[in-house]
């Protein structure tokens, strides 16, 4: 069998350049050997030829930084080929851990007192009050089954789609991503419905009844069944 007909390495031309699909079931040594053979046989460039961008797909295999460098050096020996990116169908442990933390929901039953700061990665569900001078902070959404009289900061890592929900919204400060609003004294406010704070399409912070989330965040389903 002709080695060049082996399919451990598949090279496809696209509008953006070349895409290398590397089989994820063979050894790295076989990948390198076949890639070098195919590049040597098929790609011969002239001095005036344009630079060609190369994307590398590694399937269900993650390359180490050292392996990426080996592939990069092998490809870029052809002076007109430049590696643009490595892509994989799997993620590194560090990325998976970060994703899990950012999408995790933390449920606490406590009272946040003056001077206390409760901070989590992901969503926060607090069953209890946030007293004046207390602060709750989350990279995701904040749901408070109780009275919010202190400060709340949702989307603390820059997520402008995050929301703040409270049974009684009388916070001293509300913050979503980098948007901040100070709430006037609401001690005399008559509370009837749960309320939410969010950033609207005009990039303004709005405090409204909880029911509006169904319209402004149609993909937001974490409140189904109530908080």
N, C-alpha and C. Protein backbone atom coordinates (compact mmCIF):
# COMPACT_ATOMS: atom_id res chain seq x y z
N UNK A 1 0.84 -1.21 0.00
CA UNK A 1 0.00 0.00 0.00
C UNK A 1 0.87 1.25 0.00
N UNK A 2 0.53 2.20 -0.84
CA UNK A 2 1.27 3.46 -0.91
C UNK A 2 1.06 4.24 0.37
N UNK A 3 2.16 4.64 1.00
CA UNK A 3 2.06 5.37 2.25
C UNK A 3 1.26 6.65 2.10
N UNK A 4 1.34 7.27 0.93
CA UNK A 4 0.64 8.55 0.73
C UNK A 4 -0.87 8.38 0.71
N UNK A 5 -1.33 7.13 0.56
CA UNK A 5 -2.77 6.89 0.58
C UNK A 5 -3.29 6.64 1.99
N UNK A 6 -2.39 6.57 2.96
CA UNK A 6 -2.81 6.40 4.34
C UNK A 6 -3.61 7.60 4.80
N UNK A 7 -4.57 7.38 5.70
CA UNK A 7 -5.46 8.45 6.11
C UNK A 7 -5.24 8.90 7.55
N UNK A 8 -4.06 8.67 8.09
CA UNK A 8 -3.76 9.22 9.41
C UNK A 8 -3.73 10.74 9.36
N UNK A 9 -3.37 11.27 8.20
CA UNK A 9 -3.33 12.71 7.98
C UNK A 9 -4.14 13.03 6.72
N UNK A 10 -5.14 13.91 6.87
CA UNK A 10 -5.93 14.36 5.73
C UNK A 10 -5.74 15.86 5.58
N UNK A 11 -5.37 16.28 4.38
CA UNK A 11 -5.13 17.70 4.13
C UNK A 11 -6.20 18.21 3.17
N UNK A 12 -6.91 19.25 3.61
CA UNK A 12 -7.99 19.81 2.79
C UNK A 12 -7.77 21.30 2.59
N UNK A 13 -8.04 21.75 1.38
CA UNK A 13 -7.95 23.18 1.08
C UNK A 13 -9.27 23.87 1.38
N UNK A 14 -9.20 25.05 1.97
CA UNK A 14 -10.39 25.86 2.26
C UNK A 14 -10.14 27.28 1.75
N UNK A 15 -11.15 28.12 1.86
CA UNK A 15 -10.99 29.52 1.46
C UNK A 15 -9.95 30.22 2.32
N UNK A 16 -9.83 29.78 3.56
CA UNK A 16 -8.89 30.42 4.50
C UNK A 16 -7.47 29.86 4.38
N UNK A 17 -7.31 28.71 3.72
CA UNK A 17 -5.99 28.10 3.63
C UNK A 17 -6.07 26.59 3.61
N UNK A 18 -5.36 25.93 4.52
CA UNK A 18 -5.36 24.48 4.61
C UNK A 18 -5.84 24.04 5.99
N UNK A 19 -6.49 22.88 6.02
CA UNK A 19 -6.88 22.27 7.27
C UNK A 19 -6.28 20.87 7.33
N UNK A 20 -5.57 20.58 8.40
CA UNK A 20 -5.00 19.25 8.61
C UNK A 20 -5.87 18.51 9.61
N UNK A 21 -6.40 17.37 9.21
CA UNK A 21 -7.14 16.51 10.12
C UNK A 21 -6.23 15.35 10.50
N UNK A 22 -5.90 15.25 11.77
CA UNK A 22 -4.97 14.23 12.25
C UNK A 22 -5.74 13.14 12.99
N UNK A 23 -5.55 11.91 12.57
CA UNK A 23 -6.25 10.79 13.19
C UNK A 23 -5.90 10.70 14.69
N UNK A 24 -6.91 10.45 15.51
CA UNK A 24 -6.66 10.43 16.96
C UNK A 24 -6.46 9.02 17.52
N UNK A 25 -6.38 8.01 16.64
CA UNK A 25 -6.21 6.64 17.12
C UNK A 25 -4.81 6.07 16.85
N UNK A 26 -4.03 6.76 16.04
CA UNK A 26 -2.69 6.27 15.74
C UNK A 26 -1.67 6.99 16.64
N UNK A 27 -0.42 6.55 16.57
CA UNK A 27 0.61 7.14 17.41
C UNK A 27 1.03 8.51 16.87
N UNK A 28 1.58 9.29 17.76
CA UNK A 28 2.09 10.60 17.36
C UNK A 28 3.22 10.46 16.34
N UNK A 29 4.02 9.41 16.50
CA UNK A 29 5.11 9.15 15.56
C UNK A 29 4.56 8.93 14.16
N UNK A 30 3.48 8.14 14.04
CA UNK A 30 2.87 7.88 12.74
C UNK A 30 2.32 9.17 12.13
N UNK A 31 1.74 10.01 12.97
CA UNK A 31 1.22 11.30 12.50
C UNK A 31 2.35 12.12 11.88
N UNK A 32 3.42 12.26 12.61
CA UNK A 32 4.55 13.06 12.13
C UNK A 32 5.12 12.51 10.83
N UNK A 33 5.32 11.21 10.78
CA UNK A 33 5.92 10.60 9.60
C UNK A 33 5.04 10.81 8.37
N UNK A 34 3.75 10.56 8.51
CA UNK A 34 2.86 10.70 7.36
C UNK A 34 2.70 12.16 6.95
N UNK A 35 2.63 13.05 7.92
CA UNK A 35 2.50 14.46 7.61
C UNK A 35 3.70 14.95 6.81
N UNK A 36 4.89 14.56 7.24
CA UNK A 36 6.10 14.99 6.54
C UNK A 36 6.13 14.45 5.12
N UNK A 37 5.73 13.20 4.93
CA UNK A 37 5.71 12.60 3.60
C UNK A 37 4.73 13.32 2.67
N UNK A 38 3.55 13.61 3.20
CA UNK A 38 2.53 14.25 2.34
C UNK A 38 2.90 15.69 2.01
N UNK A 39 3.45 16.41 2.97
CA UNK A 39 3.86 17.78 2.69
C UNK A 39 4.99 17.82 1.67
N UNK A 40 5.92 16.88 1.78
CA UNK A 40 7.06 16.85 0.87
C UNK A 40 6.62 16.48 -0.54
N UNK A 41 5.64 15.57 -0.65
CA UNK A 41 5.22 15.10 -1.97
C UNK A 41 4.28 16.07 -2.68
N UNK A 42 3.43 16.78 -1.91
CA UNK A 42 2.36 17.55 -2.53
C UNK A 42 2.59 19.06 -2.57
N UNK A 43 3.46 19.56 -1.73
CA UNK A 43 3.53 21.02 -1.60
C UNK A 43 4.94 21.52 -1.87
N UNK A 44 5.09 22.12 -3.06
CA UNK A 44 6.35 22.75 -3.47
C UNK A 44 6.02 24.18 -3.87
N UNK A 45 6.63 25.14 -3.23
CA UNK A 45 6.27 26.55 -3.41
C UNK A 45 7.37 27.33 -4.12
N UNK A 46 6.92 28.39 -4.78
CA UNK A 46 7.83 29.34 -5.41
C UNK A 46 7.99 30.55 -4.48
N UNK A 47 9.03 31.32 -4.73
CA UNK A 47 9.35 32.46 -3.88
C UNK A 47 8.20 33.46 -3.78
N UNK A 48 7.48 33.65 -4.87
CA UNK A 48 6.41 34.67 -4.89
C UNK A 48 5.04 34.13 -4.47
N UNK A 49 4.97 32.88 -4.10
CA UNK A 49 3.69 32.32 -3.67
C UNK A 49 3.25 32.96 -2.34
N UNK A 50 1.94 33.13 -2.15
CA UNK A 50 1.45 33.76 -0.90
C UNK A 50 1.58 32.82 0.29
N UNK A 51 1.55 33.41 1.48
CA UNK A 51 1.55 32.64 2.72
C UNK A 51 0.20 31.91 2.86
N UNK A 52 0.24 30.67 3.29
CA UNK A 52 -0.98 29.88 3.47
C UNK A 52 -1.18 29.56 4.95
N UNK A 53 -2.34 29.91 5.47
CA UNK A 53 -2.68 29.65 6.87
C UNK A 53 -3.11 28.19 7.03
N UNK A 54 -2.66 27.56 8.12
CA UNK A 54 -2.94 26.15 8.35
C UNK A 54 -3.61 25.97 9.71
N UNK A 55 -4.79 25.33 9.70
CA UNK A 55 -5.48 24.96 10.94
C UNK A 55 -5.29 23.47 11.15
N UNK A 56 -5.03 23.08 12.39
CA UNK A 56 -4.77 21.67 12.71
C UNK A 56 -5.88 21.15 13.62
N UNK A 57 -6.60 20.11 13.17
CA UNK A 57 -7.63 19.47 13.98
C UNK A 57 -7.10 18.15 14.49
N UNK A 58 -7.12 17.97 15.80
CA UNK A 58 -6.55 16.77 16.40
C UNK A 58 -7.60 15.77 16.89
N UNK A 59 -8.87 15.98 16.54
CA UNK A 59 -9.92 15.04 16.92
C UNK A 59 -10.08 14.94 18.42
N UNK A 60 -10.17 13.71 18.93
CA UNK A 60 -10.37 13.49 20.37
C UNK A 60 -9.04 13.30 21.09
N UNK A 61 -8.06 14.03 20.66
CA UNK A 61 -6.75 13.95 21.28
C UNK A 61 -6.25 15.36 21.56
N UNK A 62 -5.66 15.54 22.72
CA UNK A 62 -5.04 16.81 23.07
C UNK A 62 -3.54 16.69 22.90
N UNK A 63 -2.96 17.61 22.14
CA UNK A 63 -1.52 17.66 22.01
C UNK A 63 -0.92 18.47 23.16
N UNK A 64 0.21 18.01 23.65
CA UNK A 64 0.96 18.81 24.62
C UNK A 64 1.59 19.99 23.89
N UNK A 65 2.08 20.97 24.64
CA UNK A 65 2.74 22.11 24.01
C UNK A 65 3.96 21.65 23.21
N UNK A 66 4.64 20.65 23.72
CA UNK A 66 5.82 20.13 23.02
C UNK A 66 5.42 19.49 21.69
N UNK A 67 4.32 18.73 21.70
CA UNK A 67 3.85 18.09 20.47
C UNK A 67 3.39 19.14 19.46
N UNK A 68 2.73 20.18 19.95
CA UNK A 68 2.32 21.26 19.05
C UNK A 68 3.52 21.90 18.38
N UNK A 69 4.57 22.11 19.15
CA UNK A 69 5.77 22.71 18.60
C UNK A 69 6.41 21.81 17.54
N UNK A 70 6.37 20.51 17.75
CA UNK A 70 6.92 19.58 16.76
C UNK A 70 6.14 19.64 15.46
N UNK A 71 4.81 19.67 15.57
CA UNK A 71 3.97 19.77 14.37
C UNK A 71 4.20 21.12 13.69
N UNK A 72 4.28 22.17 14.47
CA UNK A 72 4.49 23.51 13.93
C UNK A 72 5.82 23.58 13.16
N UNK A 73 6.86 23.05 13.74
CA UNK A 73 8.17 23.07 13.06
C UNK A 73 8.15 22.26 11.79
N UNK A 74 7.45 21.12 11.83
CA UNK A 74 7.39 20.26 10.66
C UNK A 74 6.65 20.96 9.51
N UNK A 75 5.50 21.57 9.84
CA UNK A 75 4.69 22.25 8.82
C UNK A 75 5.41 23.48 8.28
N UNK A 76 5.99 24.26 9.18
CA UNK A 76 6.57 25.53 8.77
C UNK A 76 7.96 25.40 8.15
N UNK A 77 8.43 24.16 8.02
CA UNK A 77 9.62 23.94 7.20
C UNK A 77 9.31 24.30 5.75
N UNK A 78 8.03 24.15 5.40
CA UNK A 78 7.55 24.67 4.12
C UNK A 78 7.31 26.16 4.33
N UNK A 79 8.18 26.98 3.82
CA UNK A 79 8.23 28.39 4.21
C UNK A 79 6.93 29.15 3.98
N UNK A 80 6.08 28.67 3.10
CA UNK A 80 4.84 29.38 2.81
C UNK A 80 3.66 28.91 3.67
N UNK A 81 3.91 27.94 4.54
CA UNK A 81 2.86 27.44 5.42
C UNK A 81 3.07 27.96 6.84
N UNK A 82 2.00 28.48 7.44
CA UNK A 82 2.07 29.03 8.79
C UNK A 82 0.91 28.47 9.61
N UNK A 83 1.22 27.86 10.75
CA UNK A 83 0.17 27.32 11.63
C UNK A 83 -0.66 28.47 12.21
N UNK A 84 -1.96 28.38 12.03
CA UNK A 84 -2.88 29.39 12.56
C UNK A 84 -3.43 28.98 13.92
N UNK A 85 -3.82 27.70 14.06
CA UNK A 85 -4.41 27.25 15.32
C UNK A 85 -4.44 25.73 15.40
N UNK A 86 -4.55 25.24 16.65
CA UNK A 86 -4.81 23.83 16.92
C UNK A 86 -6.20 23.74 17.53
N UNK A 87 -6.99 22.80 17.03
CA UNK A 87 -8.35 22.63 17.54
C UNK A 87 -8.57 21.17 17.88
N UNK A 88 -9.39 20.93 18.92
CA UNK A 88 -9.65 19.58 19.38
C UNK A 88 -11.11 19.45 19.79
N UNK A 89 -11.60 18.20 19.80
CA UNK A 89 -12.97 17.94 20.25
C UNK A 89 -13.06 17.72 21.75
N UNK A 90 -11.93 17.84 22.43
CA UNK A 90 -11.90 17.69 23.89
C UNK A 90 -11.24 18.92 24.48
N UNK A 91 -11.40 19.06 25.80
CA UNK A 91 -10.81 20.22 26.47
C UNK A 91 -9.85 19.73 27.54
N UNK A 92 -8.92 20.59 27.88
CA UNK A 92 -7.96 20.26 28.92
C UNK A 92 -8.65 20.25 30.28
N UNK A 93 -8.04 19.56 31.25
CA UNK A 93 -8.61 19.48 32.60
C UNK A 93 -8.80 20.88 33.18
N UNK A 94 -7.83 21.77 32.93
CA UNK A 94 -7.92 23.13 33.47
C UNK A 94 -9.13 23.85 32.90
N UNK A 95 -9.38 23.69 31.58
CA UNK A 95 -10.53 24.34 30.94
C UNK A 95 -11.83 23.74 31.45
N UNK A 96 -11.87 22.40 31.60
CA UNK A 96 -13.08 21.75 32.08
C UNK A 96 -13.40 22.17 33.51
N UNK A 97 -12.37 22.27 34.33
CA UNK A 97 -12.56 22.70 35.72
C UNK A 97 -13.10 24.12 35.77
N UNK A 98 -12.53 25.00 34.94
CA UNK A 98 -12.99 26.39 34.89
C UNK A 98 -14.45 26.45 34.45
N UNK A 99 -14.80 25.67 33.41
CA UNK A 99 -16.18 25.67 32.90
C UNK A 99 -17.13 25.18 34.00
N UNK A 100 -16.73 24.12 34.72
CA UNK A 100 -17.57 23.59 35.80
C UNK A 100 -17.79 24.63 36.88
N UNK A 101 -16.72 25.31 37.28
CA UNK A 101 -16.84 26.33 38.32
C UNK A 101 -17.76 27.45 37.88
N UNK A 102 -17.63 27.88 36.61
CA UNK A 102 -18.41 29.01 36.13
C UNK A 102 -19.88 28.67 35.93
N UNK A 103 -20.20 27.38 35.82
CA UNK A 103 -21.59 26.97 35.59
C UNK A 103 -22.20 26.25 36.80
N UNK A 104 -21.48 26.22 37.88
CA UNK A 104 -21.97 25.55 39.08
C UNK A 104 -22.91 26.47 39.85
N UNK A 105 -23.88 25.88 40.53
CA UNK A 105 -24.80 26.64 41.37
C UNK A 105 -24.49 26.34 42.84
N UNK A 106 -24.21 27.40 43.60
CA UNK A 106 -23.91 27.26 45.02
C UNK A 106 -25.13 27.70 45.82
N UNK A 107 -25.62 26.84 46.69
CA UNK A 107 -26.79 27.14 47.51
C UNK A 107 -26.35 27.29 48.96
N UNK A 108 -26.67 28.45 49.54
CA UNK A 108 -26.32 28.73 50.93
C UNK A 108 -27.56 29.14 51.70
N UNK A 109 -27.67 28.66 52.92
CA UNK A 109 -28.75 29.09 53.82
C UNK A 109 -28.10 29.84 54.97
N UNK A 110 -28.11 31.15 54.90
CA UNK A 110 -27.44 31.95 55.91
C UNK A 110 -27.89 33.40 55.82
N UNK A 111 -27.49 34.17 56.79
CA UNK A 111 -27.70 35.62 56.75
C UNK A 111 -26.34 36.27 56.55
N UNK A 112 -26.24 37.12 55.55
CA UNK A 112 -24.99 37.84 55.29
C UNK A 112 -25.06 39.15 56.07
N UNK A 113 -24.22 39.26 57.07
CA UNK A 113 -24.28 40.40 57.97
C UNK A 113 -23.35 41.52 57.51
N UNK A 114 -23.47 42.66 58.15
CA UNK A 114 -22.66 43.83 57.81
C UNK A 114 -21.17 43.49 57.89
N UNK A 115 -20.44 43.84 56.83
CA UNK A 115 -19.01 43.57 56.78
C UNK A 115 -18.65 42.24 56.16
N UNK A 116 -19.63 41.35 56.00
CA UNK A 116 -19.37 40.05 55.39
C UNK A 116 -19.44 40.14 53.87
N UNK A 117 -18.61 39.33 53.19
CA UNK A 117 -18.64 39.21 51.74
C UNK A 117 -18.73 37.74 51.39
N UNK A 118 -19.76 37.36 50.66
CA UNK A 118 -19.92 36.00 50.17
C UNK A 118 -19.66 36.03 48.67
N UNK A 119 -18.66 35.28 48.21
CA UNK A 119 -18.25 35.33 46.80
C UNK A 119 -18.11 33.91 46.26
N UNK A 120 -18.71 33.64 45.08
CA UNK A 120 -18.63 32.31 44.47
C UNK A 120 -18.37 32.44 42.98
N UNK A 121 -17.87 31.34 42.40
CA UNK A 121 -17.78 31.20 40.95
C UNK A 121 -18.99 30.41 40.50
N UNK A 122 -19.74 30.95 39.55
CA UNK A 122 -20.98 30.32 39.12
C UNK A 122 -22.17 31.10 39.67
N UNK A 123 -23.31 30.42 39.79
CA UNK A 123 -24.53 31.03 40.30
C UNK A 123 -24.58 30.90 41.82
N UNK A 124 -25.23 31.87 42.45
CA UNK A 124 -25.43 31.83 43.90
C UNK A 124 -26.92 31.85 44.21
N UNK A 125 -27.37 30.85 44.98
CA UNK A 125 -28.73 30.84 45.52
C UNK A 125 -28.58 31.02 47.03
N UNK A 126 -29.04 32.15 47.53
CA UNK A 126 -28.94 32.44 48.96
C UNK A 126 -30.33 32.39 49.59
N UNK A 127 -30.49 31.50 50.56
CA UNK A 127 -31.74 31.42 51.31
C UNK A 127 -31.50 32.16 52.62
N UNK A 128 -31.93 33.39 52.64
CA UNK A 128 -31.66 34.25 53.79
C UNK A 128 -31.52 35.69 53.33
N UNK A 129 -31.28 36.59 54.27
CA UNK A 129 -31.18 38.02 53.95
C UNK A 129 -29.73 38.44 53.76
N UNK A 130 -29.58 39.54 53.03
CA UNK A 130 -28.30 40.24 52.96
C UNK A 130 -28.51 41.56 53.68
N UNK A 131 -27.96 41.71 54.86
CA UNK A 131 -28.16 42.90 55.68
C UNK A 131 -27.38 44.09 55.13
N UNK A 132 -27.77 45.30 55.52
CA UNK A 132 -27.00 46.48 55.11
C UNK A 132 -25.53 46.32 55.48
N UNK A 133 -24.65 46.64 54.53
CA UNK A 133 -23.22 46.48 54.76
C UNK A 133 -22.69 45.11 54.36
N UNK A 134 -23.58 44.18 54.05
CA UNK A 134 -23.18 42.85 53.57
C UNK A 134 -23.13 42.85 52.05
N UNK A 135 -22.34 41.93 51.48
CA UNK A 135 -22.16 41.86 50.03
C UNK A 135 -22.19 40.42 49.56
N UNK A 136 -22.90 40.20 48.46
CA UNK A 136 -22.85 38.90 47.78
C UNK A 136 -22.34 39.13 46.36
N UNK A 137 -21.52 38.21 45.90
CA UNK A 137 -20.83 38.38 44.62
C UNK A 137 -20.73 37.04 43.92
N UNK A 138 -21.03 37.01 42.60
CA UNK A 138 -20.97 35.77 41.84
C UNK A 138 -20.58 36.07 40.40
N UNK A 139 -19.85 35.12 39.78
CA UNK A 139 -19.53 35.30 38.37
C UNK A 139 -20.77 35.06 37.51
N UNK A 140 -21.74 34.34 38.05
CA UNK A 140 -22.99 34.08 37.34
C UNK A 140 -24.14 34.90 37.89
N UNK A 141 -25.30 34.28 38.03
CA UNK A 141 -26.49 34.95 38.51
C UNK A 141 -26.58 34.86 40.03
N UNK A 142 -27.38 35.76 40.60
CA UNK A 142 -27.61 35.75 42.04
C UNK A 142 -29.11 35.67 42.30
N UNK A 143 -29.52 34.68 43.09
CA UNK A 143 -30.92 34.51 43.47
C UNK A 143 -30.99 34.56 45.00
N UNK A 144 -31.79 35.47 45.52
CA UNK A 144 -31.90 35.62 46.97
C UNK A 144 -33.34 35.38 47.40
N UNK A 145 -33.51 34.32 48.18
CA UNK A 145 -34.83 34.03 48.76
C UNK A 145 -34.82 34.70 50.13
N UNK A 146 -35.12 35.96 50.12
CA UNK A 146 -35.02 36.76 51.33
C UNK A 146 -34.91 38.22 50.93
N UNK A 147 -34.47 39.05 51.86
CA UNK A 147 -34.38 40.48 51.62
C UNK A 147 -32.95 40.88 51.28
N UNK A 148 -32.80 41.58 50.18
CA UNK A 148 -31.50 42.11 49.77
C UNK A 148 -31.42 43.57 50.18
N UNK A 149 -30.72 43.83 51.28
CA UNK A 149 -30.58 45.20 51.77
C UNK A 149 -29.14 45.70 51.65
N UNK A 150 -28.21 44.79 51.36
CA UNK A 150 -26.82 45.18 51.17
C UNK A 150 -26.50 45.35 49.70
N UNK A 151 -25.33 44.86 49.26
CA UNK A 151 -24.88 45.00 47.88
C UNK A 151 -24.83 43.63 47.22
N UNK A 152 -25.10 43.62 45.92
CA UNK A 152 -25.04 42.39 45.13
C UNK A 152 -24.33 42.68 43.82
N UNK A 153 -23.40 41.80 43.45
CA UNK A 153 -22.64 41.95 42.21
C UNK A 153 -22.71 40.63 41.44
N UNK A 154 -23.51 40.60 40.38
CA UNK A 154 -23.61 39.42 39.52
C UNK A 154 -22.74 39.63 38.27
N UNK A 155 -22.37 38.53 37.62
CA UNK A 155 -21.54 38.66 36.43
C UNK A 155 -20.22 39.34 36.73
N UNK A 156 -19.61 38.99 37.86
CA UNK A 156 -18.42 39.71 38.31
C UNK A 156 -17.21 39.53 37.40
N UNK A 157 -17.28 38.53 36.51
CA UNK A 157 -16.18 38.34 35.56
C UNK A 157 -16.47 39.00 34.22
N UNK A 158 -17.53 39.83 34.18
CA UNK A 158 -17.84 40.57 32.95
C UNK A 158 -19.07 40.08 32.21
N UNK A 159 -19.81 39.13 32.76
CA UNK A 159 -20.99 38.59 32.10
C UNK A 159 -22.17 39.54 32.22
N UNK A 160 -22.47 40.27 31.15
CA UNK A 160 -23.55 41.25 31.16
C UNK A 160 -24.93 40.62 31.06
N UNK A 161 -25.00 39.30 30.79
CA UNK A 161 -26.28 38.61 30.72
C UNK A 161 -26.75 38.11 32.09
N UNK A 162 -25.90 38.25 33.09
CA UNK A 162 -26.26 37.79 34.43
C UNK A 162 -27.41 38.63 34.99
N UNK A 163 -28.11 38.06 35.95
CA UNK A 163 -29.24 38.76 36.59
C UNK A 163 -29.13 38.64 38.10
N UNK A 164 -29.83 39.56 38.78
CA UNK A 164 -29.96 39.51 40.23
C UNK A 164 -31.45 39.41 40.55
N UNK A 165 -31.81 38.41 41.32
CA UNK A 165 -33.22 38.20 41.69
C UNK A 165 -33.32 38.18 43.20
N UNK A 166 -34.35 38.84 43.72
CA UNK A 166 -34.55 38.83 45.17
C UNK A 166 -36.03 38.88 45.51
N UNK A 167 -36.38 38.22 46.61
CA UNK A 167 -37.76 38.28 47.08
C UNK A 167 -38.13 39.70 47.47
N UNK A 168 -37.17 40.42 48.08
CA UNK A 168 -37.38 41.81 48.48
C UNK A 168 -36.15 42.61 48.06
N UNK A 169 -36.31 43.39 47.03
CA UNK A 169 -35.17 44.11 46.45
C UNK A 169 -35.10 45.53 47.03
N UNK A 170 -34.28 45.69 48.06
CA UNK A 170 -34.07 47.03 48.62
C UNK A 170 -32.58 47.22 48.89
N UNK A 171 -31.79 46.87 47.86
CA UNK A 171 -30.34 46.87 47.98
C UNK A 171 -29.78 48.28 48.06
N UNK A 172 -28.62 48.40 48.69
CA UNK A 172 -27.91 49.68 48.69
C UNK A 172 -27.16 49.88 47.38
N UNK A 173 -26.72 48.74 46.78
CA UNK A 173 -26.01 48.81 45.51
C UNK A 173 -26.25 47.53 44.71
N UNK A 174 -26.54 47.70 43.43
CA UNK A 174 -26.66 46.57 42.51
C UNK A 174 -25.59 46.73 41.44
N UNK A 175 -24.94 45.63 41.12
CA UNK A 175 -23.90 45.68 40.09
C UNK A 175 -23.97 44.43 39.24
N UNK A 176 -23.96 44.62 37.92
CA UNK A 176 -23.89 43.52 36.96
C UNK A 176 -22.75 43.82 36.02
N UNK A 177 -21.76 42.92 35.97
CA UNK A 177 -20.53 43.17 35.22
C UNK A 177 -19.96 44.50 35.70
N UNK A 178 -19.82 45.49 34.80
CA UNK A 178 -19.28 46.80 35.19
C UNK A 178 -20.36 47.86 35.36
N UNK A 179 -21.63 47.46 35.29
CA UNK A 179 -22.74 48.40 35.45
C UNK A 179 -23.14 48.47 36.93
N UNK A 180 -23.23 49.67 37.44
CA UNK A 180 -23.53 49.87 38.86
C UNK A 180 -24.70 50.84 39.00
N UNK A 181 -25.58 50.52 39.94
CA UNK A 181 -26.64 51.47 40.27
C UNK A 181 -26.79 51.51 41.78
N UNK A 182 -26.99 52.71 42.31
CA UNK A 182 -27.23 52.89 43.74
C UNK A 182 -28.72 53.04 43.95
N UNK A 183 -29.26 52.31 44.90
CA UNK A 183 -30.70 52.31 45.15
C UNK A 183 -31.02 53.29 46.28
N UNK A 184 -32.01 54.12 46.04
CA UNK A 184 -32.45 55.05 47.08
C UNK A 184 -33.13 54.28 48.20
N UNK A 185 -33.28 54.91 49.32
CA UNK A 185 -33.91 54.27 50.47
C UNK A 185 -35.29 53.74 50.10
N UNK A 186 -35.47 52.43 50.25
CA UNK A 186 -36.75 51.81 49.90
C UNK A 186 -37.43 51.21 51.13
N UNK A 187 -37.11 51.73 52.27
CA UNK A 187 -37.65 51.15 53.50
C UNK A 187 -39.17 51.23 53.56
N UNK A 188 -39.74 52.21 52.87
CA UNK A 188 -41.19 52.37 52.88
C UNK A 188 -41.86 51.71 51.68
N UNK A 189 -41.04 51.06 50.84
CA UNK A 189 -41.58 50.47 49.62
C UNK A 189 -42.50 49.30 49.96
N UNK A 190 -43.61 49.22 49.25
CA UNK A 190 -44.54 48.11 49.44
C UNK A 190 -44.14 46.97 48.51
N UNK A 191 -43.75 45.82 49.07
CA UNK A 191 -43.27 44.71 48.28
C UNK A 191 -44.42 43.74 48.01
N UNK A 192 -44.59 43.42 46.74
CA UNK A 192 -45.63 42.48 46.37
C UNK A 192 -45.07 41.31 45.55
N UNK A 193 -44.08 41.59 44.72
CA UNK A 193 -43.56 40.57 43.82
C UNK A 193 -42.05 40.48 43.94
N UNK A 194 -41.53 39.29 43.60
CA UNK A 194 -40.09 39.17 43.47
C UNK A 194 -39.63 40.06 42.32
N UNK A 195 -38.43 40.61 42.46
CA UNK A 195 -37.93 41.50 41.42
C UNK A 195 -36.57 41.01 40.92
N UNK A 196 -36.20 41.52 39.75
CA UNK A 196 -34.92 41.15 39.15
C UNK A 196 -34.25 42.39 38.59
N UNK A 197 -32.94 42.35 38.56
CA UNK A 197 -32.16 43.41 37.93
C UNK A 197 -31.41 42.81 36.76
N UNK A 198 -31.34 43.52 35.65
CA UNK A 198 -30.68 43.02 34.45
C UNK A 198 -30.22 44.20 33.59
N UNK A 199 -29.39 43.92 32.61
CA UNK A 199 -28.93 44.93 31.66
C UNK A 199 -29.78 44.80 30.40
N UNK A 200 -30.45 45.89 30.00
CA UNK A 200 -31.31 45.82 28.82
C UNK A 200 -30.53 46.09 27.53
N UNK A 201 -31.25 46.09 26.41
CA UNK A 201 -30.61 46.29 25.11
C UNK A 201 -29.99 47.67 24.94
N UNK A 202 -30.44 48.63 25.75
CA UNK A 202 -29.87 49.98 25.70
C UNK A 202 -28.68 50.10 26.65
N UNK A 203 -28.27 48.94 27.19
CA UNK A 203 -27.12 48.87 28.11
C UNK A 203 -27.36 49.74 29.35
N UNK A 204 -28.56 49.60 29.88
CA UNK A 204 -28.93 50.25 31.13
C UNK A 204 -29.38 49.19 32.11
N UNK A 205 -29.10 49.40 33.39
CA UNK A 205 -29.59 48.47 34.39
C UNK A 205 -31.03 48.78 34.73
N UNK A 206 -31.85 47.73 34.74
CA UNK A 206 -33.28 47.87 34.99
C UNK A 206 -33.66 46.93 36.14
N UNK A 207 -34.53 47.43 37.02
CA UNK A 207 -35.11 46.60 38.07
C UNK A 207 -36.59 46.45 37.77
N UNK A 208 -37.07 45.23 37.65
CA UNK A 208 -38.45 45.00 37.24
C UNK A 208 -38.97 43.73 37.90
N UNK A 209 -40.24 43.43 37.62
CA UNK A 209 -40.83 42.21 38.16
C UNK A 209 -40.14 40.98 37.55
N UNK A 210 -40.10 39.92 38.32
CA UNK A 210 -39.41 38.70 37.90
C UNK A 210 -39.95 38.16 36.58
N UNK A 211 -41.23 38.34 36.34
CA UNK A 211 -41.86 37.75 35.16
C UNK A 211 -41.26 38.24 33.84
N UNK A 212 -40.63 39.41 33.84
CA UNK A 212 -40.11 39.95 32.58
C UNK A 212 -38.95 39.13 32.04
N UNK A 213 -38.30 38.33 32.90
CA UNK A 213 -37.16 37.54 32.44
C UNK A 213 -37.54 36.58 31.32
N UNK A 214 -38.78 36.14 31.30
CA UNK A 214 -39.21 35.22 30.25
C UNK A 214 -39.09 35.85 28.88
N UNK A 215 -39.25 37.16 28.82
CA UNK A 215 -39.17 37.87 27.54
C UNK A 215 -37.77 38.37 27.23
N UNK A 216 -37.08 38.90 28.24
CA UNK A 216 -35.77 39.50 27.95
C UNK A 216 -34.64 38.49 27.93
N UNK A 217 -34.84 37.33 28.57
CA UNK A 217 -33.86 36.25 28.55
C UNK A 217 -34.58 34.95 28.16
N UNK A 218 -35.00 34.83 26.88
CA UNK A 218 -35.79 33.66 26.46
C UNK A 218 -35.08 32.33 26.65
N UNK A 219 -33.77 32.34 26.68
CA UNK A 219 -33.02 31.09 26.87
C UNK A 219 -32.70 30.82 28.34
N UNK A 220 -33.20 31.70 29.18
CA UNK A 220 -32.88 31.60 30.59
C UNK A 220 -33.91 30.72 31.26
N UNK A 221 -33.53 29.49 31.61
CA UNK A 221 -34.51 28.54 32.15
C UNK A 221 -34.21 28.12 33.58
N UNK A 222 -33.26 28.80 34.25
CA UNK A 222 -32.89 28.35 35.59
C UNK A 222 -33.94 28.72 36.64
N UNK A 223 -34.92 29.55 36.24
CA UNK A 223 -35.92 29.95 37.22
C UNK A 223 -37.20 29.11 37.11
N UNK A 224 -37.19 28.10 36.23
CA UNK A 224 -38.39 27.29 36.08
C UNK A 224 -38.73 26.59 37.39
N UNK A 225 -39.97 26.73 37.79
CA UNK A 225 -40.40 26.13 39.06
C UNK A 225 -40.20 27.06 40.23
N UNK A 226 -39.62 28.25 39.97
CA UNK A 226 -39.42 29.21 41.04
C UNK A 226 -38.06 29.08 41.66
N UNK A 227 -37.66 30.10 42.41
CA UNK A 227 -36.36 30.09 43.08
C UNK A 227 -36.52 29.49 44.46
